[in-house]
Structure formats: structure tokens, C-alpha cells
Amino acid sequence: AAPAGDGLPEFEVLQAGSLSPEEYDALVTDLVTFIQYAGEPAALKRASMGVWVLLYLSLFTFLAWIMKKEYWRDIKGH
């Protein structure tokens, strides 16, 4: 099929399918979800671990800020 004006190909239905539009959408959603998972199964674990890494870094950034304040308080006082 030739591309339409927006660059996407146009498709013509030659024969009606056996699935309803809702069933087709559910099937395609399941297929895309599976292919995404199969492509990188560790993505879910990495995303959940990322939240903990950011919390860990935030905690130590806060502690470093407190230590800096304490350190410079003694230096500016002299």
C-alpha cells in the first residue's frame, strides 16, 4: 500500500476478521506487552530498584548538606 499524506501506509480491508474490534485491541495489547517484556525482562526490576536508588542518594545528599553546614559554621566563627 502506498503511503498516505502523513507518511503512514494506508491499508484496505480485504476480508472481515473473526475478532470484534474490542477483541482485536485486547489481542494486540497483550502481544505488544509480551514482546516488550521478552525484549528486556529485567526492565520491571530495574524500574522498581531505581526508586530505592534515588531515595538512597537523596538521603546521603541531605546528610552531606548537614555536614557542610556544621563544618562551615566552625570555620566562619573564627
PDB file of N, CA and C in Angstrom:
ATOM      1  N   ALA A   1       0.845  -1.180   0.000  1.00  0.00           N
ATOM      2  CA  ALA A   1       0.000   0.000   0.000  1.00  0.00           C
ATOM      3  C   ALA A   1       0.888   1.241   0.000  1.00  0.00           C
ATOM      4  N   ALA A   2       0.457   2.218  -0.744  1.00  0.00           N
ATOM      5  CA  ALA A   2       1.222   3.459  -0.856  1.00  0.00           C
ATOM      6  C   ALA A   2       1.032   4.303   0.396  1.00  0.00           C
ATOM      7  N   PRO A   3       2.070   5.047   0.785  1.00  0.00           N
ATOM      8  CA  PRO A   3       1.945   5.902   1.970  1.00  0.00           C
ATOM      9  C   PRO A   3       0.932   7.016   1.742  1.00  0.00           C
ATOM     10  N   ALA A   4       0.230   7.356   2.793  1.00  0.00           N
ATOM     11  CA  ALA A   4      -0.714   8.479   2.741  1.00  0.00           C
ATOM     12  C   ALA A   4       0.063   9.781   2.861  1.00  0.00           C
ATOM     13  N   GLY A   5      -0.642  10.883   2.910  1.00  0.00           N
ATOM     14  CA  GLY A   5      -0.001  12.184   3.006  1.00  0.00           C
ATOM     15  C   GLY A   5       0.798  12.364   4.284  1.00  0.00           C
ATOM     16  N   ASP A   6       0.453  11.647   5.344  1.00  0.00           N
ATOM     17  CA  ASP A   6       1.168  11.778   6.617  1.00  0.00           C
ATOM     18  C   ASP A   6       2.328  10.799   6.729  1.00  0.00           C
ATOM     19  N   GLY A   7       2.627  10.057   5.672  1.00  0.00           N
ATOM     20  CA  GLY A   7       3.753   9.145   5.679  1.00  0.00           C
ATOM     21  C   GLY A   7       3.416   7.747   6.151  1.00  0.00           C
ATOM     22  N   LEU A   8       2.211   7.550   6.675  1.00  0.00           N
ATOM     23  CA  LEU A   8       1.814   6.226   7.125  1.00  0.00           C
ATOM     24  C   LEU A   8       1.137   5.471   5.985  1.00  0.00           C
ATOM     25  N   PRO A   9       1.365   4.172   5.890  1.00  0.00           N
ATOM     26  CA  PRO A   9       0.723   3.426   4.803  1.00  0.00           C
ATOM     27  C   PRO A   9      -0.779   3.289   5.024  1.00  0.00           C
ATOM     28  N   GLU A  10      -1.510   3.268   3.946  1.00  0.00           N
ATOM     29  CA  GLU A  10      -2.957   3.049   4.013  1.00  0.00           C
ATOM     30  C   GLU A  10      -3.207   1.571   3.779  1.00  0.00           C
ATOM     31  N   PHE A  11      -4.098   0.991   4.567  1.00  0.00           N
ATOM     32  CA  PHE A  11      -4.433  -0.414   4.419  1.00  0.00           C
ATOM     33  C   PHE A  11      -5.892  -0.546   4.041  1.00  0.00           C
ATOM     34  N   GLU A  12      -6.156  -1.511   3.208  1.00  0.00           N
ATOM     35  CA  GLU A  12      -7.516  -1.779   2.765  1.00  0.00           C
ATOM     36  C   GLU A  12      -7.921  -3.138   3.309  1.00  0.00           C
ATOM     37  N   VAL A  13      -9.097  -3.222   3.936  1.00  0.00           N
ATOM     38  CA  VAL A  13      -9.591  -4.481   4.477  1.00  0.00           C
ATOM     39  C   VAL A  13     -10.097  -5.323   3.318  1.00  0.00           C
ATOM     40  N   LEU A  14      -9.448  -6.475   3.098  1.00  0.00           N
ATOM     41  CA  LEU A  14      -9.835  -7.354   2.010  1.00  0.00           C
ATOM     42  C   LEU A  14     -10.868  -8.388   2.455  1.00  0.00           C
ATOM     43  N   GLN A  15     -10.797  -8.761   3.724  1.00  0.00           N
ATOM     44  CA  GLN A  15     -11.707  -9.777   4.245  1.00  0.00           C
ATOM     45  C   GLN A  15     -11.947  -9.463   5.717  1.00  0.00           C
ATOM     46  N   ALA A  16     -13.177  -9.570   6.151  1.00  0.00           N
ATOM     47  CA  ALA A  16     -13.502  -9.287   7.548  1.00  0.00           C
ATOM     48  C   ALA A  16     -12.835 -10.324   8.446  1.00  0.00           C
ATOM     49  N   GLY A  17     -12.329  -9.887   9.599  1.00  0.00           N
ATOM     50  CA  GLY A  17     -11.670 -10.787  10.532  1.00  0.00           C
ATOM     51  C   GLY A  17     -12.679 -11.513  11.413  1.00  0.00           C
ATOM     52  N   SER A  18     -12.173 -12.457  12.194  1.00  0.00           N
ATOM     53  CA  SER A  18     -13.053 -13.227  13.067  1.00  0.00           C
ATOM     54  C   SER A  18     -13.170 -12.599  14.454  1.00  0.00           C
ATOM     55  N   LEU A  19     -12.395 -11.572  14.734  1.00  0.00           N
ATOM     56  CA  LEU A  19     -12.430 -10.919  16.039  1.00  0.00           C
ATOM     57  C   LEU A  19     -13.219  -9.618  15.967  1.00  0.00           C
ATOM     58  N   SER A  20     -13.877  -9.306  17.090  1.00  0.00           N
ATOM     59  CA  SER A  20     -14.526  -7.993  17.177  1.00  0.00           C
ATOM     60  C   SER A  20     -13.427  -6.949  17.380  1.00  0.00           C
ATOM     61  N   PRO A  21     -13.729  -5.683  17.156  1.00  0.00           N
ATOM     62  CA  PRO A  21     -12.702  -4.645  17.381  1.00  0.00           C
ATOM     63  C   PRO A  21     -12.157  -4.650  18.808  1.00  0.00           C
ATOM     64  N   GLU A  22     -13.003  -4.927  19.798  1.00  0.00           N
ATOM     65  CA  GLU A  22     -12.544  -4.962  21.194  1.00  0.00           C
ATOM     66  C   GLU A  22     -11.610  -6.153  21.419  1.00  0.00           C
ATOM     67  N   GLU A  23     -11.954  -7.310  20.861  1.00  0.00           N
ATOM     68  CA  GLU A  23     -11.103  -8.491  20.999  1.00  0.00           C
ATOM     69  C   GLU A  23      -9.765  -8.279  20.305  1.00  0.00           C
ATOM     70  N   TYR A  24      -9.823  -7.645  19.131  1.00  0.00           N
ATOM     71  CA  TYR A  24      -8.594  -7.365  18.385  1.00  0.00           C
ATOM     72  C   TYR A  24      -7.680  -6.430  19.175  1.00  0.00           C
ATOM     73  N   ASP A  25      -8.255  -5.365  19.733  1.00  0.00           N
ATOM     74  CA  ASP A  25      -7.457  -4.426  20.532  1.00  0.00           C
ATOM     75  C   ASP A  25      -6.830  -5.122  21.740  1.00  0.00           C
ATOM     76  N   ALA A  26      -7.606  -5.998  22.406  1.00  0.00           N
ATOM     77  CA  ALA A  26      -7.072  -6.731  23.560  1.00  0.00           C
ATOM     78  C   ALA A  26      -5.946  -7.667  23.130  1.00  0.00           C
ATOM     79  N   LEU A  27      -6.109  -8.343  21.999  1.00  0.00           N
ATOM     80  CA  LEU A  27      -5.084  -9.253  21.492  1.00  0.00           C
ATOM     81  C   LEU A  27      -3.796  -8.499  21.148  1.00  0.00           C
ATOM     82  N   VAL A  28      -3.933  -7.380  20.475  1.00  0.00           N
ATOM     83  CA  VAL A  28      -2.756  -6.586  20.106  1.00  0.00           C
ATOM     84  C   VAL A  28      -2.076  -6.030  21.357  1.00  0.00           C
ATOM     85  N   THR A  29      -2.849  -5.577  22.333  1.00  0.00           N
ATOM     86  CA  THR A  29      -2.276  -5.075  23.584  1.00  0.00           C
ATOM     87  C   THR A  29      -1.484  -6.167  24.288  1.00  0.00           C
ATOM     88  N   ASP A  30      -2.062  -7.378  24.374  1.00  0.00           N
ATOM     89  CA  ASP A  30      -1.356  -8.495  25.010  1.00  0.00           C
ATOM     90  C   ASP A  30      -0.085  -8.849  24.255  1.00  0.00           C
ATOM     91  N   LEU A  31      -0.154  -8.846  22.935  1.00  0.00           N
ATOM     92  CA  LEU A  31       1.012  -9.191  22.119  1.00  0.00           C
ATOM     93  C   LEU A  31       2.132  -8.170  22.288  1.00  0.00           C
ATOM     94  N   VAL A  32       1.796  -6.905  22.247  1.00  0.00           N
ATOM     95  CA  VAL A  32       2.809  -5.850  22.397  1.00  0.00           C
ATOM     96  C   VAL A  32       3.418  -5.886  23.798  1.00  0.00           C
ATOM     97  N   THR A  33       2.587  -6.130  24.816  1.00  0.00           N
ATOM     98  CA  THR A  33       3.090  -6.229  26.180  1.00  0.00           C
ATOM     99  C   THR A  33       4.061  -7.388  26.317  1.00  0.00           C
ATOM    100  N   PHE A  34       3.716  -8.535  25.726  1.00  0.00           N
ATOM    101  CA  PHE A  34       4.608  -9.690  25.795  1.00  0.00           C
ATOM    102  C   PHE A  34       5.918  -9.424  25.065  1.00  0.00           C
ATOM    103  N   ILE A  35       5.857  -8.828  23.893  1.00  0.00           N
ATOM    104  CA  ILE A  35       7.081  -8.558  23.123  1.00  0.00           C
ATOM    105  C   ILE A  35       7.968  -7.568  23.870  1.00  0.00           C
ATOM    106  N   GLN A  36       7.360  -6.579  24.505  1.00  0.00           N
ATOM    107  CA  GLN A  36       8.146  -5.622  25.294  1.00  0.00           C
ATOM    108  C   GLN A  36       8.817  -6.327  26.465  1.00  0.00           C
ATOM    109  N   TYR A  37       8.100  -7.210  27.153  1.00  0.00           N
ATOM    110  CA  TYR A  37       8.679  -7.950  28.270  1.00  0.00           C
ATOM    111  C   TYR A  37       9.775  -8.895  27.789  1.00  0.00           C
ATOM    112  N   ALA A  38       9.530  -9.587  26.683  1.00  0.00           N
ATOM    113  CA  ALA A  38      10.511 -10.546  26.166  1.00  0.00           C
ATOM    114  C   ALA A  38      11.786  -9.834  25.710  1.00  0.00           C
ATOM    115  N   GLY A  39      11.653  -8.604  25.248  1.00  0.00           N
ATOM    116  CA  GLY A  39      12.807  -7.843  24.795  1.00  0.00           C
ATOM    117  C   GLY A  39      13.735  -7.459  25.933  1.00  0.00           C
ATOM    118  N   GLU A  40      13.175  -7.218  27.109  1.00  0.00           N
ATOM    119  CA  GLU A  40      14.000  -6.842  28.263  1.00  0.00           C
ATOM    120  C   GLU A  40      13.274  -7.218  29.548  1.00  0.00           C
ATOM    121  N   PRO A  41      13.395  -8.466  29.979  1.00  0.00           N
ATOM    122  CA  PRO A  41      12.657  -8.907  31.166  1.00  0.00           C
ATOM    123  C   PRO A  41      13.099  -8.236  32.465  1.00  0.00           C
ATOM    124  N   ALA A  42      14.287  -7.681  32.507  1.00  0.00           N
ATOM    125  CA  ALA A  42      14.783  -7.051  33.734  1.00  0.00           C
ATOM    126  C   ALA A  42      14.300  -5.614  33.887  1.00  0.00           C
ATOM    127  N   ALA A  43      13.552  -5.092  32.931  1.00  0.00           N
ATOM    128  CA  ALA A  43      13.135  -3.688  32.989  1.00  0.00           C
ATOM    129  C   ALA A  43      12.261  -3.399  34.208  1.00  0.00           C
ATOM    130  N   LEU A  44      11.366  -4.303  34.564  1.00  0.00           N
ATOM    131  CA  LEU A  44      10.496  -4.076  35.728  1.00  0.00           C
ATOM    132  C   LEU A  44      11.308  -4.024  37.010  1.00  0.00           C
ATOM    133  N   LYS A  45      12.253  -4.922  37.156  1.00  0.00           N
ATOM    134  CA  LYS A  45      13.109  -4.949  38.354  1.00  0.00           C
ATOM    135  C   LYS A  45      13.949  -3.674  38.432  1.00  0.00           C
ATOM    136  N   ARG A  46      14.501  -3.263  37.292  1.00  0.00           N
ATOM    137  CA  ARG A  46      15.336  -2.064  37.261  1.00  0.00           C
ATOM    138  C   ARG A  46      14.524  -0.821  37.617  1.00  0.00           C
ATOM    139  N   ALA A  47      13.300  -0.736  37.122  1.00  0.00           N
ATOM    140  CA  ALA A  47      12.470   0.438  37.412  1.00  0.00           C
ATOM    141  C   ALA A  47      12.101   0.501  38.894  1.00  0.00           C
ATOM    142  N   SER A  48      11.794  -0.649  39.498  1.00  0.00           N
ATOM    143  CA  SER A  48      11.450  -0.628  40.915  1.00  0.00           C
ATOM    144  C   SER A  48      12.678  -0.345  41.779  1.00  0.00           C
ATOM    145  N   MET A  49      13.844  -0.818  41.357  1.00  0.00           N
ATOM    146  CA  MET A  49      15.060  -0.558  42.109  1.00  0.00           C
ATOM    147  C   MET A  49      15.480   0.905  41.965  1.00  0.00           C
ATOM    148  N   GLY A  50      15.144   1.538  40.870  1.00  0.00           N
ATOM    149  CA  GLY A  50      15.510   2.935  40.646  1.00  0.00           C
ATOM    150  C   GLY A  50      14.941   3.874  41.696  1.00  0.00           C
ATOM    151  N   VAL A  51      13.729   3.587  42.152  1.00  0.00           N
ATOM    152  CA  VAL A  51      13.113   4.412  43.188  1.00  0.00           C
ATOM    153  C   VAL A  51      13.948   4.349  44.467  1.00  0.00           C
ATOM    154  N   TRP A  52      14.382   3.147  44.845  1.00  0.00           N
ATOM    155  CA  TRP A  52      15.191   2.998  46.057  1.00  0.00           C
ATOM    156  C   TRP A  52      16.554   3.668  45.911  1.00  0.00           C
ATOM    157  N   VAL A  53      17.137   3.603  44.733  1.00  0.00           N
ATOM    158  CA  VAL A  53      18.434   4.255  44.495  1.00  0.00           C
ATOM    159  C   VAL A  53      18.293   5.773  44.648  1.00  0.00           C
ATOM    160  N   LEU A  54      17.222   6.327  44.104  1.00  0.00           N
ATOM    161  CA  LEU A  54      17.013   7.774  44.239  1.00  0.00           C
ATOM    162  C   LEU A  54      16.784   8.179  45.694  1.00  0.00           C
ATOM    163  N   LEU A  55      16.050   7.377  46.444  1.00  0.00           N
ATOM    164  CA  LEU A  55      15.863   7.672  47.871  1.00  0.00           C
ATOM    165  C   LEU A  55      17.183   7.598  48.629  1.00  0.00           C
ATOM    166  N   TYR A  56      18.003   6.604  48.321  1.00  0.00           N
ATOM    167  CA  TYR A  56      19.317   6.437  48.938  1.00  0.00           C
ATOM    168  C   TYR A  56      20.198   7.654  48.650  1.00  0.00           C
ATOM    169  N   LEU A  57      20.248   8.069  47.396  1.00  0.00           N
ATOM    170  CA  LEU A  57      21.056   9.233  47.029  1.00  0.00           C
ATOM    171  C   LEU A  57      20.530  10.510  47.679  1.00  0.00           C
ATOM    172  N   SER A  58      19.217  10.634  47.778  1.00  0.00           N
ATOM    173  CA  SER A  58      18.633  11.812  48.427  1.00  0.00           C
ATOM    174  C   SER A  58      19.011  11.863  49.897  1.00  0.00           C
ATOM    175  N   LEU A  59      18.977  10.731  50.561  1.00  0.00           N
ATOM    176  CA  LEU A  59      19.356  10.673  51.974  1.00  0.00           C
ATOM    177  C   LEU A  59      20.800  11.132  52.167  1.00  0.00           C
ATOM    178  N   PHE A  60      21.710  10.608  51.358  1.00  0.00           N
ATOM    179  CA  PHE A  60      23.110  10.985  51.534  1.00  0.00           C
ATOM    180  C   PHE A  60      23.400  12.407  51.072  1.00  0.00           C
ATOM    181  N   THR A  61      22.628  12.929  50.149  1.00  0.00           N
ATOM    182  CA  THR A  61      22.767  14.338  49.782  1.00  0.00           C
ATOM    183  C   THR A  61      22.360  15.222  50.959  1.00  0.00           C
ATOM    184  N   PHE A  62      21.269  14.848  51.616  1.00  0.00           N
ATOM    185  CA  PHE A  62      20.813  15.595  52.789  1.00  0.00           C
ATOM    186  C   PHE A  62      21.848  15.536  53.910  1.00  0.00           C
ATOM    187  N   LEU A  63      22.403  14.348  54.155  1.00  0.00           N
ATOM    188  CA  LEU A  63      23.423  14.219  55.199  1.00  0.00           C
ATOM    189  C   LEU A  63      24.675  15.033  54.865  1.00  0.00           C
ATOM    190  N   ALA A  64      25.074  15.043  53.601  1.00  0.00           N
ATOM    191  CA  ALA A  64      26.244  15.840  53.200  1.00  0.00           C
ATOM    192  C   ALA A  64      25.971  17.331  53.392  1.00  0.00           C
ATOM    193  N   TRP A  65      24.752  17.762  53.118  1.00  0.00           N
ATOM    194  CA  TRP A  65      24.393  19.176  53.297  1.00  0.00           C
ATOM    195  C   TRP A  65      24.474  19.553  54.778  1.00  0.00           C
ATOM    196  N   ILE A  66      23.966  18.672  55.652  1.00  0.00           N
ATOM    197  CA  ILE A  66      24.037  18.933  57.092  1.00  0.00           C
ATOM    198  C   ILE A  66      25.497  19.000  57.551  1.00  0.00           C
ATOM    199  N   MET A  67      26.326  18.073  57.074  1.00  0.00           N
ATOM    200  CA  MET A  67      27.743  18.085  57.452  1.00  0.00           C
ATOM    201  C   MET A  67      28.434  19.348  56.966  1.00  0.00           C
ATOM    202  N   LYS A  68      28.102  19.818  55.779  1.00  0.00           N
ATOM    203  CA  LYS A  68      28.692  21.050  55.239  1.00  0.00           C
ATOM    204  C   LYS A  68      28.321  22.236  56.117  1.00  0.00           C
ATOM    205  N   LYS A  69      27.056  22.306  56.519  1.00  0.00           N
ATOM    206  CA  LYS A  69      26.637  23.400  57.399  1.00  0.00           C
ATOM    207  C   LYS A  69      27.398  23.381  58.714  1.00  0.00           C
ATOM    208  N   GLU A  70      27.571  22.215  59.301  1.00  0.00           N
ATOM    209  CA  GLU A  70      28.301  22.099  60.558  1.00  0.00           C
ATOM    210  C   GLU A  70      29.766  22.482  60.384  1.00  0.00           C
ATOM    211  N   TYR A  71      30.372  22.033  59.316  1.00  0.00           N
ATOM    212  CA  TYR A  71      31.784  22.317  59.051  1.00  0.00           C
ATOM    213  C   TYR A  71      31.999  23.814  58.862  1.00  0.00           C
ATOM    214  N   TRP A  72      31.184  24.462  58.023  1.00  0.00           N
ATOM    215  CA  TRP A  72      31.393  25.876  57.742  1.00  0.00           C
ATOM    216  C   TRP A  72      30.981  26.774  58.910  1.00  0.00           C
ATOM    217  N   ARG A  73      30.143  26.272  59.805  1.00  0.00           N
ATOM    218  CA  ARG A  73      29.806  27.051  60.977  1.00  0.00           C
ATOM    219  C   ARG A  73      31.058  27.269  61.831  1.00  0.00           C
ATOM    220  N   ASP A  74      31.874  26.227  61.991  1.00  0.00           N
ATOM    221  CA  ASP A  74      33.115  26.350  62.769  1.00  0.00           C
ATOM    222  C   ASP A  74      34.133  27.225  62.048  1.00  0.00           C
ATOM    223  N   ILE A  75      34.221  27.163  60.753  1.00  0.00           N
ATOM    224  CA  ILE A  75      35.221  27.940  60.001  1.00  0.00           C
ATOM    225  C   ILE A  75      34.852  29.413  59.969  1.00  0.00           C
ATOM    226  N   LYS A  76      33.578  29.743  59.793  1.00  0.00           N
ATOM    227  CA  LYS A  76      33.175  31.150  59.726  1.00  0.00           C
ATOM    228  C   LYS A  76      33.227  31.804  61.101  1.00  0.00           C
ATOM    229  N   GLY A  77      33.151  30.999  62.147  1.00  0.00           N
ATOM    230  CA  GLY A  77      33.162  31.552  63.501  1.00  0.00           C
ATOM    231  C   GLY A  77      34.519  32.067  63.932  1.00  0.00           C
ATOM    232  N   HIS A  78      35.587  31.648  63.294  1.00  0.00           N
ATOM    233  CA  HIS A  78      36.935  32.061  63.703  1.00  0.00           C
ATOM    234  C   HIS A  78      37.403  33.278  63.007  1.00  0.00           C
TER     235      HIS A  78
END
